[in-house]
PDB file of N, CA and C in Angstrom:
ATOM      1  N   MET A   1     -11.440  19.251  39.581  1.00  0.00           N
ATOM      2  CA  MET A   1     -11.737  19.117  38.179  1.00  0.00           C
ATOM      3  C   MET A   1     -11.322  20.400  37.477  1.00  0.00           C
ATOM      4  N   GLY A   2     -10.506  20.264  36.443  1.00  0.00           N
ATOM      5  CA  GLY A   2     -10.001  21.411  35.721  1.00  0.00           C
ATOM      6  C   GLY A   2     -10.979  21.896  34.662  1.00  0.00           C
ATOM      7  N   PHE A   3     -10.598  22.978  34.036  1.00  0.00           N
ATOM      8  CA  PHE A   3     -11.430  23.599  33.013  1.00  0.00           C
ATOM      9  C   PHE A   3     -11.674  22.660  31.833  1.00  0.00           C
ATOM     10  N   LEU A   4     -10.596  22.016  31.343  1.00  0.00           N
ATOM     11  CA  LEU A   4     -10.753  21.110  30.204  1.00  0.00           C
ATOM     12  C   LEU A   4     -11.562  19.872  30.563  1.00  0.00           C
ATOM     13  N   ASP A   5     -11.452  19.406  31.800  1.00  0.00           N
ATOM     14  CA  ASP A   5     -12.256  18.261  32.230  1.00  0.00           C
ATOM     15  C   ASP A   5     -13.741  18.585  32.156  1.00  0.00           C
ATOM     16  N   ARG A   6     -14.090  19.819  32.512  1.00  0.00           N
ATOM     17  CA  ARG A   6     -15.511  20.213  32.437  1.00  0.00           C
ATOM     18  C   ARG A   6     -15.973  20.286  30.987  1.00  0.00           C
ATOM     19  N   ILE A   7     -15.101  20.727  30.097  1.00  0.00           N
ATOM     20  CA  ILE A   7     -15.488  20.857  28.686  1.00  0.00           C
ATOM     21  C   ILE A   7     -15.493  19.493  27.989  1.00  0.00           C
ATOM     22  N   LEU A   8     -14.412  18.753  28.154  1.00  0.00           N
ATOM     23  CA  LEU A   8     -14.244  17.502  27.411  1.00  0.00           C
ATOM     24  C   LEU A   8     -14.792  16.279  28.125  1.00  0.00           C
ATOM     25  N   GLY A   9     -14.930  16.327  29.416  1.00  0.00           N
ATOM     26  CA  GLY A   9     -15.400  15.174  30.168  1.00  0.00           C
ATOM     27  C   GLY A   9     -14.238  14.363  30.709  1.00  0.00           C
ATOM     28  N   ASP A  10     -14.561  13.289  31.349  1.00  0.00           N
ATOM     29  CA  ASP A  10     -13.557  12.444  31.982  1.00  0.00           C
ATOM     30  C   ASP A  10     -12.886  11.552  30.934  1.00  0.00           C
ATOM     31  N   ASP A  11     -11.554  11.551  30.920  1.00  0.00           N
ATOM     32  CA  ASP A  11     -10.795  10.755  29.952  1.00  0.00           C
ATOM     33  C   ASP A  11     -11.048   9.256  30.115  1.00  0.00           C
ATOM     34  N   GLN A  12     -11.158   8.803  31.337  1.00  0.00           N
ATOM     35  CA  GLN A  12     -11.353   7.366  31.568  1.00  0.00           C
ATOM     36  C   GLN A  12     -12.711   6.908  31.051  1.00  0.00           C
ATOM     37  N   GLN A  13     -13.725   7.730  31.233  1.00  0.00           N
ATOM     38  CA  GLN A  13     -15.049   7.363  30.716  1.00  0.00           C
ATOM     39  C   GLN A  13     -15.034   7.328  29.189  1.00  0.00           C
ATOM     40  N   ARG A  14     -14.373   8.310  28.578  1.00  0.00           N
ATOM     41  CA  ARG A  14     -14.290   8.360  27.118  1.00  0.00           C
ATOM     42  C   ARG A  14     -13.487   7.169  26.588  1.00  0.00           C
ATOM     43  N   ALA A  15     -12.407   6.820  27.261  1.00  0.00           N
ATOM     44  CA  ALA A  15     -11.589   5.691  26.833  1.00  0.00           C
ATOM     45  C   ALA A  15     -12.367   4.381  26.944  1.00  0.00           C
ATOM     46  N   ALA A  16     -13.164   4.246  27.994  1.00  0.00           N
ATOM     47  CA  ALA A  16     -13.958   3.027  28.173  1.00  0.00           C
ATOM     48  C   ALA A  16     -15.005   2.896  27.073  1.00  0.00           C
ATOM     49  N   ARG A  17     -15.499   4.018  26.600  1.00  0.00           N
ATOM     50  CA  ARG A  17     -16.519   3.994  25.551  1.00  0.00           C
ATOM     51  C   ARG A  17     -15.960   3.431  24.242  1.00  0.00           C
ATOM     52  N   PHE A  18     -14.675   3.680  23.963  1.00  0.00           N
ATOM     53  CA  PHE A  18     -14.067   3.233  22.715  1.00  0.00           C
ATOM     54  C   PHE A  18     -13.200   1.990  22.884  1.00  0.00           C
ATOM     55  N   GLU A  19     -13.278   1.364  24.013  1.00  0.00           N
ATOM     56  CA  GLU A  19     -12.458   0.188  24.280  1.00  0.00           C
ATOM     57  C   GLU A  19     -12.858  -0.957  23.355  1.00  0.00           C
ATOM     58  N   GLY A  20     -11.869  -1.617  22.803  1.00  0.00           N
ATOM     59  CA  GLY A  20     -12.137  -2.752  21.922  1.00  0.00           C
ATOM     60  C   GLY A  20     -12.302  -2.370  20.468  1.00  0.00           C
ATOM     61  N   ARG A  21     -12.361  -1.073  20.174  1.00  0.00           N
ATOM     62  CA  ARG A  21     -12.503  -0.630  18.789  1.00  0.00           C
ATOM     63  C   ARG A  21     -11.135  -0.304  18.211  1.00  0.00           C
ATOM     64  N   GLU A  22     -11.012  -0.460  16.917  1.00  0.00           N
ATOM     65  CA  GLU A  22      -9.765  -0.164  16.236  1.00  0.00           C
ATOM     66  C   GLU A  22      -9.612   1.359  16.109  1.00  0.00           C
ATOM     67  N   SER A  23      -8.442   1.859  16.467  1.00  0.00           N
ATOM     68  CA  SER A  23      -8.211   3.299  16.389  1.00  0.00           C
ATOM     69  C   SER A  23      -8.025   3.726  14.933  1.00  0.00           C
ATOM     70  N   ALA A  24      -8.108   5.020  14.696  1.00  0.00           N
ATOM     71  CA  ALA A  24      -7.960   5.543  13.336  1.00  0.00           C
ATOM     72  C   ALA A  24      -6.565   5.248  12.792  1.00  0.00           C
ATOM     73  N   SER A  25      -5.545   5.365  13.639  1.00  0.00           N
ATOM     74  CA  SER A  25      -4.189   5.094  13.160  1.00  0.00           C
ATOM     75  C   SER A  25      -3.994   3.609  12.861  1.00  0.00           C
ATOM     76  N   GLU A  26      -4.614   2.743  13.649  1.00  0.00           N
ATOM     77  CA  GLU A  26      -4.526   1.303  13.368  1.00  0.00           C
ATOM     78  C   GLU A  26      -5.246   0.962  12.070  1.00  0.00           C
ATOM     79  N   THR A  27      -6.388   1.600  11.839  1.00  0.00           N
ATOM     80  CA  THR A  27      -7.139   1.378  10.605  1.00  0.00           C
ATOM     81  C   THR A  27      -6.322   1.818   9.397  1.00  0.00           C
ATOM     82  N   ALA A  28      -5.715   2.997   9.487  1.00  0.00           N
ATOM     83  CA  ALA A  28      -4.898   3.505   8.380  1.00  0.00           C
ATOM     84  C   ALA A  28      -3.707   2.593   8.110  1.00  0.00           C
ATOM     85  N   ALA A  29      -3.061   2.122   9.163  1.00  0.00           N
ATOM     86  CA  ALA A  29      -1.917   1.229   8.994  1.00  0.00           C
ATOM     87  C   ALA A  29      -2.333  -0.091   8.351  1.00  0.00           C
ATOM     88  N   ARG A  30      -3.477  -0.622   8.780  1.00  0.00           N
ATOM     89  CA  ARG A  30      -3.972  -1.879   8.200  1.00  0.00           C
ATOM     90  C   ARG A  30      -4.280  -1.705   6.711  1.00  0.00           C
ATOM     91  N   LYS A  31      -4.947  -0.607   6.356  1.00  0.00           N
ATOM     92  CA  LYS A  31      -5.276  -0.369   4.949  1.00  0.00           C
ATOM     93  C   LYS A  31      -4.013  -0.168   4.109  1.00  0.00           C
ATOM     94  N   ARG A  32      -3.012   0.483   4.691  1.00  0.00           N
ATOM     95  CA  ARG A  32      -1.749   0.685   3.986  1.00  0.00           C
ATOM     96  C   ARG A  32      -1.081  -0.660   3.714  1.00  0.00           C
ATOM     97  N   ARG A  33      -1.069  -1.542   4.713  1.00  0.00           N
ATOM     98  CA  ARG A  33      -0.476  -2.877   4.527  1.00  0.00           C
ATOM     99  C   ARG A  33      -1.238  -3.676   3.486  1.00  0.00           C
ATOM    100  N   GLU A  34      -2.572  -3.624   3.537  1.00  0.00           N
ATOM    101  CA  GLU A  34      -3.374  -4.375   2.573  1.00  0.00           C
ATOM    102  C   GLU A  34      -3.146  -3.862   1.156  1.00  0.00           C
ATOM    103  N   GLY A  35      -3.047  -2.552   1.005  1.00  0.00           N
ATOM    104  CA  GLY A  35      -2.788  -1.974  -0.307  1.00  0.00           C
ATOM    105  C   GLY A  35      -1.425  -2.381  -0.827  1.00  0.00           C
ATOM    106  N   HIS A  36      -0.451  -2.452   0.063  1.00  0.00           N
ATOM    107  CA  HIS A  36       0.894  -2.863  -0.332  1.00  0.00           C
ATOM    108  C   HIS A  36       0.884  -4.302  -0.813  1.00  0.00           C
ATOM    109  N   ARG A  37       0.159  -5.145  -0.104  1.00  0.00           N
ATOM    110  CA  ARG A  37       0.089  -6.560  -0.511  1.00  0.00           C
ATOM    111  C   ARG A  37      -0.574  -6.707  -1.872  1.00  0.00           C
ATOM    112  N   ARG A  38      -1.596  -5.883  -2.133  1.00  0.00           N
ATOM    113  CA  ARG A  38      -2.275  -5.942  -3.426  1.00  0.00           C
ATOM    114  C   ARG A  38      -1.335  -5.527  -4.554  1.00  0.00           C
ATOM    115  N   SER A  39      -0.518  -4.522  -4.303  1.00  0.00           N
ATOM    116  CA  SER A  39       0.329  -4.004  -5.373  1.00  0.00           C
ATOM    117  C   SER A  39       1.531  -4.898  -5.652  1.00  0.00           C
ATOM    118  N   ILE A  40       1.899  -5.758  -4.738  1.00  0.00           N
ATOM    119  CA  ILE A  40       3.072  -6.620  -4.940  1.00  0.00           C
ATOM    120  C   ILE A  40       2.858  -7.556  -6.126  1.00  0.00           C
ATOM    121  N   ALA A  41       1.710  -8.192  -6.203  1.00  0.00           N
ATOM    122  CA  ALA A  41       1.444  -9.147  -7.285  1.00  0.00           C
ATOM    123  C   ALA A  41       1.427  -8.432  -8.634  1.00  0.00           C
ATOM    124  N   LYS A  42       0.829  -7.271  -8.668  1.00  0.00           N
ATOM    125  CA  LYS A  42       0.742  -6.507  -9.912  1.00  0.00           C
ATOM    126  C   LYS A  42       2.136  -6.075 -10.377  1.00  0.00           C
ATOM    127  N   THR A  43       2.940  -5.592  -9.457  1.00  0.00           N
ATOM    128  CA  THR A  43       4.297  -5.164  -9.787  1.00  0.00           C
ATOM    129  C   THR A  43       5.147  -6.352 -10.216  1.00  0.00           C
ATOM    130  N   ALA A  44       4.986  -7.477  -9.546  1.00  0.00           N
ATOM    131  CA  ALA A  44       5.745  -8.677  -9.911  1.00  0.00           C
ATOM    132  C   ALA A  44       5.371  -9.144 -11.312  1.00  0.00           C
ATOM    133  N   ALA A  45       4.097  -9.064 -11.656  1.00  0.00           N
ATOM    134  CA  ALA A  45       3.652  -9.474 -12.990  1.00  0.00           C
ATOM    135  C   ALA A  45       4.232  -8.555 -14.060  1.00  0.00           C
ATOM    136  N   LYS A  46       4.281  -7.250 -13.769  1.00  0.00           N
ATOM    137  CA  LYS A  46       4.885  -6.315 -14.725  1.00  0.00           C
ATOM    138  C   LYS A  46       6.365  -6.613 -14.916  1.00  0.00           C
ATOM    139  N   GLY A  47       7.052  -6.895 -13.817  1.00  0.00           N
ATOM    140  CA  GLY A  47       8.473  -7.211 -13.898  1.00  0.00           C
ATOM    141  C   GLY A  47       8.722  -8.487 -14.678  1.00  0.00           C
ATOM    142  N   GLN A  48       7.873  -9.462 -14.461  1.00  0.00           N
ATOM    143  CA  GLN A  48       8.007 -10.738 -15.179  1.00  0.00           C
ATOM    144  C   GLN A  48       7.773 -10.541 -16.667  1.00  0.00           C
ATOM    145  N   ALA A  49       6.776  -9.744 -17.018  1.00  0.00           N
ATOM    146  CA  ALA A  49       6.500  -9.480 -18.427  1.00  0.00           C
ATOM    147  C   ALA A  49       7.679  -8.763 -19.083  1.00  0.00           C
ATOM    148  N   TRP A  50       8.251  -7.800 -18.368  1.00  0.00           N
ATOM    149  CA  TRP A  50       9.416  -7.094 -18.898  1.00  0.00           C
ATOM    150  C   TRP A  50      10.575  -8.074 -19.110  1.00  0.00           C
ATOM    151  N   GLU A  51      10.799  -8.946 -18.142  1.00  0.00           N
ATOM    152  CA  GLU A  51      11.883  -9.918 -18.220  1.00  0.00           C
ATOM    153  C   GLU A  51      11.709 -10.839 -19.427  1.00  0.00           C
ATOM    154  N   GLU A  52      10.480 -11.282 -19.664  1.00  0.00           N
ATOM    155  CA  GLU A  52      10.225 -12.162 -20.808  1.00  0.00           C
ATOM    156  C   GLU A  52      10.460 -11.432 -22.126  1.00  0.00           C
ATOM    157  N   ARG A  53      10.034 -10.170 -22.216  1.00  0.00           N
ATOM    158  CA  ARG A  53      10.284  -9.392 -23.435  1.00  0.00           C
ATOM    159  C   ARG A  53      11.782  -9.207 -23.654  1.00  0.00           C
ATOM    160  N   ASP A  54      12.494  -8.962 -22.570  1.00  0.00           N
ATOM    161  CA  ASP A  54      13.933  -8.760 -22.655  1.00  0.00           C
ATOM    162  C   ASP A  54      14.639 -10.041 -23.131  1.00  0.00           C
ATOM    163  N   ARG A  55      14.222 -11.167 -22.627  1.00  0.00           N
ATOM    164  CA  ARG A  55      14.816 -12.448 -23.048  1.00  0.00           C
ATOM    165  C   ARG A  55      14.565 -12.704 -24.530  1.00  0.00           C
ATOM    166  N   LYS A  56      13.328 -12.437 -24.974  1.00  0.00           N
ATOM    167  CA  LYS A  56      13.016 -12.628 -26.396  1.00  0.00           C
ATOM    168  C   LYS A  56      13.895 -11.734 -27.258  1.00  0.00           C
ATOM    169  N   ARG A  57      14.089 -10.509 -26.823  1.00  0.00           N
ATOM    170  CA  ARG A  57      14.917  -9.560 -27.557  1.00  0.00           C
ATOM    171  C   ARG A  57      16.353 -10.058 -27.648  1.00  0.00           C
ATOM    172  N   GLU A  58      16.872 -10.602 -26.554  1.00  0.00           N
ATOM    173  CA  GLU A  58      18.246 -11.121 -26.557  1.00  0.00           C
ATOM    174  C   GLU A  58      18.378 -12.343 -27.455  1.00  0.00           C
ATOM    175  N   ARG A  59      17.379 -13.205 -27.447  1.00  0.00           N
ATOM    176  CA  ARG A  59      17.437 -14.437 -28.253  1.00  0.00           C
ATOM    177  C   ARG A  59      17.433 -14.142 -29.744  1.00  0.00           C
ATOM    178  N   ARG A  60      16.709 -13.121 -30.153  1.00  0.00           N
ATOM    179  CA  ARG A  60      16.645 -12.835 -31.583  1.00  0.00           C
ATOM    180  C   ARG A  60      17.734 -11.870 -32.036  1.00  0.00           C
ATOM    181  N   GLY A  61      18.611 -11.472 -31.119  1.00  0.00           N
ATOM    182  CA  GLY A  61      19.764 -10.671 -31.515  1.00  0.00           C
ATOM    183  C   GLY A  61      19.588  -9.180 -31.314  1.00  0.00           C
ATOM    184  N   GLY A  62      18.844  -8.773 -30.339  1.00  0.00           N
ATOM    185  CA  GLY A  62      18.709  -7.346 -30.046  1.00  0.00           C
ATOM    186  C   GLY A  62      17.525  -6.716 -30.738  1.00  0.00           C
ATOM    187  N   ILE A  63      17.476  -5.409 -30.645  1.00  0.00           N
ATOM    188  CA  ILE A  63      16.375  -4.664 -31.271  1.00  0.00           C
ATOM    189  C   ILE A  63      16.612  -4.656 -32.775  1.00  0.00           C
ATOM    190  N   ARG A  64      15.623  -5.062 -33.506  1.00  0.00           N
ATOM    191  CA  ARG A  64      15.753  -5.124 -34.959  1.00  0.00           C
ATOM    192  C   ARG A  64      15.566  -3.742 -35.561  1.00  0.00           C
ATOM    193  N   ARG A  65      16.480  -3.407 -36.401  1.00  0.00           N
ATOM    194  CA  ARG A  65      16.377  -2.129 -37.096  1.00  0.00           C
ATOM    195  C   ARG A  65      16.339  -2.435 -38.601  1.00  0.00           C
ATOM    196  N   THR A  66      15.455  -1.786 -39.265  1.00  0.00           N
ATOM    197  CA  THR A  66      15.362  -2.005 -40.701  1.00  0.00           C
ATOM    198  C   THR A  66      15.895  -0.791 -41.426  1.00  0.00           C
ATOM    199  N   ASP A  67      16.245  -0.983 -42.709  1.00  0.00           N
ATOM    200  CA  ASP A  67      16.669   0.165 -43.493  1.00  0.00           C
ATOM    201  C   ASP A  67      15.637   0.526 -44.532  1.00  0.00           C
ATOM    202  N   TRP A  68      14.408   0.069 -44.362  1.00  0.00           N
ATOM    203  CA  TRP A  68      13.356   0.455 -45.286  1.00  0.00           C
ATOM    204  C   TRP A  68      12.478   1.553 -44.721  1.00  0.00           C
ATOM    205  N   THR A  69      13.070   2.564 -44.112  1.00  0.00           N
ATOM    206  CA  THR A  69      12.297   3.697 -43.569  1.00  0.00           C
ATOM    207  C   THR A  69      12.053   4.750 -44.602  1.00  0.00           C
TER     208      THR A  69
END
């Protein structure tokens, strides 16, 4: 048994204690994916709104400029 084994304990026993639990890196990856999925709908809605405004602008002949400033 080495010095670190005496300080930290047996790796196999520690691994067995956490078996079946989600690791910190897996948790972070899952939250990152979930956040990405949430933002897709919001971004798509913004893009759609921009597209509709752009179409309206094209239909009425571009950006209207007045000379009554």
